[in-house]
Protein backbone atom coordinates (compact mmCIF):
# COMPACT_ATOMS: atom_id res chain seq x y z
CA GLN A 1 -6.58 -3.72 3.09
CA GLY A 2 -7.71 -5.63 6.20
CA TYR A 3 -8.35 -8.84 4.28
CA ILE A 4 -4.92 -8.87 2.60
CA ARG A 5 -3.01 -7.96 5.74
CA ASP A 6 -4.74 -10.47 8.00
CA ASN A 7 -5.14 -13.44 5.65
CA HIS A 8 -2.56 -13.27 2.86
CA PRO A 9 0.58 -11.64 4.32
CA LYS A 10 2.83 -13.32 1.72
CA MET A 11 0.70 -12.67 -1.35
CA PRO A 12 2.76 -11.08 -4.16
CA LEU A 13 0.90 -7.86 -4.80
CA PHE A 14 1.68 -4.41 -6.09
CA VAL A 15 -0.63 -1.56 -5.10
CA CYS A 16 -0.17 2.07 -6.06
CA THR A 17 -2.39 4.64 -4.36
CA THR A 18 -2.39 8.39 -3.86
CA SER A 19 -3.45 10.47 -0.88
CA ARG A 20 -3.42 14.09 0.12
CA GLN A 21 -4.05 13.28 3.78
CA GLU A 22 -1.28 14.12 6.18
CA GLY A 23 -0.30 11.77 8.96
CA LYS A 24 -2.70 8.85 8.41
CA THR A 25 -2.04 6.78 5.31
CA PHE A 26 -3.73 3.83 3.65
CA PHE A 27 -0.90 1.47 4.60
CA GLN A 28 -0.27 2.67 8.13
CA ASN A 29 -1.06 -0.75 9.64
CA PHE A 30 1.26 -2.65 7.31
CA PRO A 31 4.85 -3.55 8.25
CA MET A 32 7.09 -0.73 7.10
CA ASP A 33 9.22 -3.04 4.92
CA TRP A 34 6.09 -3.78 2.87
CA CYS A 35 5.52 -0.31 1.60
CA HIS A 36 7.29 2.76 0.36
CA GLU A 37 5.90 6.27 0.50
CA MET A 38 6.83 8.88 -2.07
CA ALA A 39 6.17 12.55 -1.41
CA LEU A 40 5.24 14.30 -4.65
CA ASN A 41 6.99 17.63 -4.94
CA PRO A 42 5.17 20.74 -6.22
CA LEU A 43 5.42 21.28 -9.96
CA THR A 44 8.29 23.39 -11.22
CA ASP A 45 7.54 26.45 -13.34
CA SER A 46 8.37 24.57 -16.54
CA GLU A 47 6.23 21.60 -15.50
CA SER A 48 3.35 23.98 -14.72
CA HIS A 49 3.68 25.54 -18.17
CA ALA A 50 3.70 22.06 -19.74
CA LEU A 51 0.54 21.12 -17.81
CA MET A 52 -1.29 24.23 -19.05
CA ASN A 53 -0.24 23.51 -22.61
CA ALA A 54 -1.58 19.97 -22.23
CA ILE A 55 -4.90 21.17 -20.82
CA LEU A 56 -5.32 23.69 -23.64
CA GLU A 57 -3.97 21.18 -26.17
CA THR A 58 -1.47 23.61 -27.59
CA GLU A 59 2.30 23.93 -27.96
CA GLN A 60 2.55 27.51 -29.19
CA THR A 61 1.43 30.38 -26.95
CA SER A 62 1.23 34.10 -27.61
CA PRO A 63 3.06 36.63 -25.40
CA GLN A 64 -0.30 37.46 -23.77
CA ILE A 65 -0.93 33.81 -22.83
CA LYS A 66 2.63 33.45 -21.54
CA VAL A 67 1.96 36.37 -19.18
CA LEU A 68 -1.22 34.57 -18.07
CA TYR A 69 0.78 31.39 -17.47
CA ASP A 70 3.27 33.27 -15.30
CA LYS A 71 0.50 34.81 -13.21
CA ILE A 72 -1.17 31.43 -12.67
CA VAL A 73 2.16 29.80 -11.78
CA ALA A 74 2.84 32.50 -9.18
CA SER A 75 -0.52 31.83 -7.49
CA ALA A 76 -0.51 28.03 -7.88
CA LYS A 77 2.76 27.44 -6.02
CA GLY A 78 3.17 24.16 -7.87
CA ASN A 79 -0.32 22.79 -7.19
CA PRO A 80 -1.59 21.11 -10.39
CA TYR A 81 -5.20 21.07 -9.20
CA TYR A 82 -5.16 24.86 -8.73
CA ILE A 83 -3.85 25.28 -12.29
CA GLU A 84 -6.56 23.02 -13.68
CA GLU A 85 -9.34 24.80 -11.78
CA VAL A 86 -8.14 28.27 -12.82
CA LEU A 87 -8.17 27.32 -16.48
CA LYS A 88 -11.61 25.72 -16.16
CA SER A 89 -12.91 28.93 -14.58
CA LEU A 90 -11.43 31.15 -17.31
CA LEU A 91 -12.86 28.92 -20.02
CA ALA A 92 -16.30 28.64 -18.43
CA ASN A 93 -16.57 32.43 -18.12
CA ASP A 94 -15.32 33.07 -21.68
CA ILE A 95 -12.31 34.96 -20.37
CA LEU A 96 -10.03 32.52 -22.17
CA ILE A 97 -11.29 31.76 -25.67
CA GLN A 98 -9.98 30.11 -28.81
CA ASP A 99 -10.17 31.96 -32.11
CA LYS A 100 -8.87 30.41 -35.33
CA GLY A 101 -6.78 27.94 -33.35
CA GLU A 102 -5.19 30.61 -31.15
CA TRP A 103 -5.91 31.18 -27.47
CA LEU A 104 -6.90 34.75 -26.52
CA LEU A 105 -7.89 36.62 -23.37
CA THR A 106 -10.98 38.82 -23.34
CA LYS A 107 -9.72 40.69 -20.27
CA SER A 108 -6.42 42.24 -19.31
CA VAL A 109 -4.19 39.83 -17.35
CA LYS A 110 -3.87 42.47 -14.61
CA LYS A 111 -7.65 42.45 -14.09
CA LEU A 112 -8.01 38.68 -13.81
CA PRO A 113 -9.43 37.56 -10.45
CA LEU A 114 -7.15 34.75 -9.28
CA PRO A 115 -8.17 33.53 -5.80
CA ASN A 116 -5.31 33.15 -3.32
CA SER A 117 -6.15 29.56 -2.35
CA LEU A 118 -7.55 26.43 -3.93
CA HIS A 119 -10.50 26.48 -1.53
CA ASN A 120 -11.42 30.02 -2.52
CA LEU A 121 -11.00 29.13 -6.18
CA ILE A 122 -13.49 26.26 -5.91
CA VAL A 123 -15.94 28.45 -4.00
CA THR A 124 -15.64 31.16 -6.66
CA ARG A 125 -16.35 28.68 -9.46
CA PHE A 126 -19.26 27.28 -7.47
CA ASP A 127 -20.73 30.75 -6.82
CA ASN A 128 -20.69 31.53 -10.55
CA LEU A 129 -23.10 28.68 -11.28
CA THR A 130 -26.87 29.07 -11.54
CA TYR A 131 -29.03 28.40 -8.46
CA GLN A 132 -30.23 25.07 -9.92
CA GLU A 133 -26.66 23.95 -10.68
CA ARG A 134 -25.44 24.90 -7.21
CA THR A 135 -28.34 23.06 -5.56
CA LEU A 136 -27.69 19.91 -7.57
CA LEU A 137 -24.00 19.94 -6.67
CA GLN A 138 -24.84 20.40 -2.99
CA VAL A 139 -27.19 17.41 -3.09
CA ALA A 140 -24.52 15.40 -4.91
CA SER A 141 -21.86 16.39 -2.38
CA VAL A 142 -23.93 14.79 0.39
CA MET A 143 -24.35 11.63 -1.70
CA GLY A 144 -20.56 11.23 -1.80
CA LYS A 145 -17.58 11.30 -4.15
CA GLU A 146 -19.46 8.94 -6.50
CA PHE A 147 -23.21 8.56 -6.99
CA SER A 148 -25.61 6.83 -9.36
CA TYR A 149 -28.04 8.54 -11.69
CA LYS A 150 -30.76 6.21 -10.40
CA LEU A 151 -30.43 7.53 -6.85
CA LEU A 152 -30.16 11.17 -7.92
CA HIS A 153 -33.19 10.70 -10.16
CA ARG A 154 -35.20 9.42 -7.18
CA LEU A 155 -34.08 12.35 -5.04
CA TYR A 156 -35.32 14.71 -7.74
CA ASP A 157 -38.71 12.96 -7.82
CA ASN A 158 -37.96 11.43 -11.24
CA LYS A 159 -37.78 14.83 -12.96
CA GLN A 160 -35.51 13.70 -15.79
CA LYS A 161 -36.16 16.72 -18.04
CA GLU A 162 -34.81 19.05 -15.35
CA LEU A 163 -31.98 16.82 -14.19
CA THR A 164 -30.31 15.73 -17.42
CA PRO A 165 -29.32 19.16 -18.82
CA LEU A 166 -28.03 20.28 -15.42
CA LEU A 167 -25.80 17.21 -15.15
CA GLU A 168 -24.51 17.68 -18.69
CA THR A 169 -23.58 21.30 -17.92
CA LEU A 170 -21.73 20.30 -14.76
CA VAL A 171 -19.84 17.60 -16.66
CA THR A 172 -18.95 20.09 -19.41
CA ASN A 173 -17.72 22.61 -16.81
CA GLY A 174 -15.50 20.00 -15.18
CA PHE A 175 -17.25 19.66 -11.83
CA LEU A 176 -18.40 16.10 -12.53
CA THR A 177 -17.40 13.15 -14.67
CA LYS A 178 -19.68 10.32 -15.80
CA LYS A 179 -19.34 6.73 -16.95
CA TRP A 180 -21.68 3.88 -17.87
CA VAL A 181 -21.65 1.12 -15.22
CA ASP A 182 -23.97 -1.92 -15.08
CA GLY A 183 -26.78 -0.34 -17.06
CA ASP A 184 -26.73 3.05 -15.33
CA TYR A 185 -24.73 6.26 -15.46
CA GLU A 186 -22.43 6.78 -12.51
CA PHE A 187 -21.24 10.29 -11.74
CA SER A 188 -18.32 11.39 -9.64
CA PHE A 189 -16.76 14.68 -8.61
CA SER A 190 -13.70 15.45 -10.69
CA GLN A 191 -11.76 15.95 -7.45
CA GLU A 192 -12.53 14.86 -3.90
CA LEU A 193 -11.63 18.32 -2.61
CA THR A 194 -14.35 19.85 -4.80
CA GLN A 195 -16.93 17.62 -3.13
CA GLU A 196 -15.64 18.52 0.33
CA VAL A 197 -15.68 22.27 -0.32
CA ILE A 198 -19.21 22.19 -1.75
CA TYR A 199 -20.40 20.00 1.15
CA GLY A 200 -19.02 22.70 3.44
CA THR A 201 -21.33 25.31 1.90
CA LEU A 202 -24.38 23.58 3.40
CA LEU A 203 -25.81 24.49 6.78
CA HIS A 204 -25.82 21.63 9.29
CA LYS A 205 -29.63 21.40 9.30
CA ARG A 206 -29.74 21.11 5.51
CA ARG A 207 -26.99 18.45 5.52
CA THR A 208 -28.95 16.39 8.03
CA GLU A 209 -32.13 16.66 5.96
CA LEU A 210 -30.32 15.54 2.82
CA HIS A 211 -28.57 12.63 4.51
CA LYS A 212 -31.96 11.39 5.74
CA ARG A 213 -33.61 11.79 2.31
CA ILE A 214 -30.74 9.95 0.63
CA ALA A 215 -30.93 7.10 3.15
CA ILE A 216 -34.68 6.73 2.66
CA CYS A 217 -34.28 6.68 -1.14
CA LEU A 218 -31.55 4.05 -0.84
CA GLU A 219 -33.90 1.88 1.21
CA GLU A 220 -36.67 2.30 -1.35
CA ILE A 221 -34.44 1.39 -4.29
CA TYR A 222 -32.22 -1.37 -2.94
CA LEU A 223 -33.62 -3.10 0.15
CA SER A 224 -36.05 -5.29 -1.79
CA ALA A 225 -33.39 -6.40 -4.29
CA LYS A 226 -29.76 -6.14 -3.13
CA PRO A 227 -29.80 -4.86 0.46
CA SER A 228 -26.23 -5.90 1.26
CA ASP A 229 -24.92 -3.65 -1.53
CA VAL A 230 -25.89 -0.53 0.40
CA PHE A 231 -25.37 -1.41 4.07
CA GLU A 232 -22.30 0.83 4.25
CA LEU A 233 -24.03 3.75 2.51
CA LEU A 234 -27.10 3.46 4.72
CA ALA A 235 -24.90 3.33 7.80
CA HIS A 236 -23.03 6.44 6.65
CA HIS A 237 -26.11 8.51 5.86
CA PHE A 238 -28.20 7.53 8.88
CA SER A 239 -25.16 8.22 11.09
CA HIS A 240 -25.42 11.87 10.02
CA THR A 241 -29.04 12.12 11.16
CA LYS A 242 -30.89 11.83 14.46
CA GLU A 243 -32.15 8.37 13.45
CA HIS A 244 -29.72 6.67 15.82
CA GLU A 245 -31.51 3.31 15.93
CA LEU A 246 -31.45 3.00 12.14
CA ALA A 247 -27.81 4.06 12.04
CA ILE A 248 -26.95 1.38 14.60
CA LYS A 249 -28.82 -1.28 12.62
CA TYR A 250 -26.99 -0.59 9.37
CA LEU A 251 -23.64 -0.16 11.09
CA TYR A 252 -24.16 -3.60 12.63
CA LEU A 253 -25.06 -5.11 9.26
CA ALA A 254 -22.06 -3.39 7.62
CA ALA A 255 -19.78 -4.74 10.36
CA ASN A 256 -21.05 -8.29 9.89
CA LYS A 257 -20.57 -7.97 6.14
CA ALA A 258 -17.01 -6.73 6.67
CA MET A 259 -16.27 -9.71 8.92
CA ARG A 260 -17.56 -12.13 6.25
CA PHE A 261 -15.01 -10.64 3.86
CA CYS A 262 -12.29 -10.75 6.54
CA ALA A 263 -12.11 -6.94 6.56
CA ASN A 264 -11.60 -7.02 10.30
CA ARG A 265 -10.30 -3.49 10.77
CA GLU A 266 -13.31 -2.08 8.96
CA ALA A 267 -15.60 -4.16 11.17
CA LEU A 268 -13.91 -2.76 14.27
CA THR A 269 -14.49 0.77 13.00
CA TYR A 270 -18.20 0.07 12.53
CA TYR A 271 -18.47 -1.46 16.01
CA ASP A 272 -16.78 1.58 17.53
CA GLN A 273 -19.31 3.83 15.78
CA ILE A 274 -22.17 1.72 17.16
CA PHE A 275 -20.75 2.01 20.67
CA SER A 276 -20.61 5.79 20.30
CA LEU A 277 -24.24 6.00 19.12
CA LEU A 278 -25.45 3.73 21.93
CA GLU A 279 -24.30 6.43 24.35
CA ARG A 280 -26.89 8.78 22.84
CA ILE A 281 -30.00 6.65 23.40
CA PRO A 282 -31.67 5.39 26.63
CA LYS A 283 -30.30 2.09 27.95
CA ASP A 284 -33.70 0.37 27.76
CA THR A 285 -34.30 1.29 24.09
CA PHE A 286 -34.84 -1.72 21.84
CA VAL A 287 -32.73 -1.70 18.68
CA SER A 288 -33.15 -3.98 15.67
CA THR A 289 -30.00 -5.42 14.11
CA ASP A 290 -31.39 -7.11 10.99
CA ILE A 291 -33.28 -6.17 7.83
CA PHE A 292 -36.49 -7.97 8.75
CA PHE A 293 -36.74 -6.63 12.33
CA GLU A 294 -36.53 -10.15 13.76
CA GLU A 295 -33.46 -9.63 15.98
CA TRP A 296 -33.66 -7.05 18.75
CA PHE A 297 -31.38 -5.95 21.56
CA LYS A 298 -31.80 -3.59 24.46
CA ALA A 299 -29.25 -0.82 24.03
CA ASN A 300 -27.36 -1.86 27.15
CA ASP A 301 -27.29 -5.53 26.09
CA LEU A 302 -26.12 -4.55 22.63
CA LYS A 303 -23.11 -2.83 24.19
CA THR A 304 -22.10 -6.12 25.78
CA HIS A 305 -22.70 -7.96 22.51
CA ILE A 306 -20.55 -5.48 20.58
CA LEU A 307 -17.69 -5.88 23.07
CA GLU A 308 -17.89 -9.66 22.57
CA LYS A 309 -17.79 -9.22 18.77
CA LYS A 310 -14.75 -6.96 19.06
CA ALA A 311 -13.05 -9.51 21.32
CA GLU A 312 -13.58 -12.16 18.63
CA ILE A 313 -11.88 -9.97 16.05
CA PHE A 314 -8.92 -9.12 18.29
CA LEU A 315 -8.46 -12.81 18.98
CA LEU A 316 -8.64 -13.57 15.28
CA ILE A 317 -6.00 -11.01 14.29
CA GLY A 318 -3.76 -11.79 17.24
CA GLU A 319 -4.16 -8.55 19.16
CA TYR A 320 -4.97 -9.35 22.77
């Protein structure tokens, strides 16, 4: 975004992106005549019915299933993700089954537990998992929306026999998806909201512990080979721990990397985060700003240096 806006303002380019965030959008810093926002309306009842038919891969439904559809539609209020999650839950718990090509319910529609919000629905599905499955999803939620098998494997102390069947179950149940990328499986949460809700089930102390473990594993795996590939991840995870000096180092490296790619806005964000963390450590603390611990700054001097770097960017992008 920053690179295109600042360096190629006349480049012919079409970008289509989706967001559920209110207020702040991906293109908020672009001239308004460059972009057009479309608000997606909730699904109509007929569209909701069509979506459920598509998920169940059917066109004909029994009167019992039509009653189920109506109950789901009443709770979903046009939210397609709610519809998808409800059906996944019913299928996973063998409440909705297929017999001889026909979909059947094993419980009365009146007795079906339909949560009153998408958040509660995700929590309910999560609570119905085994302890091992819930723990794995919590670890994964701290890793991020997407994560590599290699990193998860290291976090689980290379216990492949335990890890593989758990991941397959979570993929089958629709919590995760997987794909083969550059010689390794990459997993991702089926929906970003699922990751956020599961992350919210962790106590703050446990989150901090996991962020630190993940950062350490990232260092062990990547720093000797492709350190620049993980500067942003290391900055993110160390920023959620009490390892302020390490967070500052990787934020600085991520900012420099962003500047090399002309992603000036991203660099400014990293510098602002550094400034905030510098307020939490003594002024005379020495902080390293490179991989090999060859460049050091006193915290107070680093503040001045960061202000100078920000001034360079503002001059470059024409904001004085």
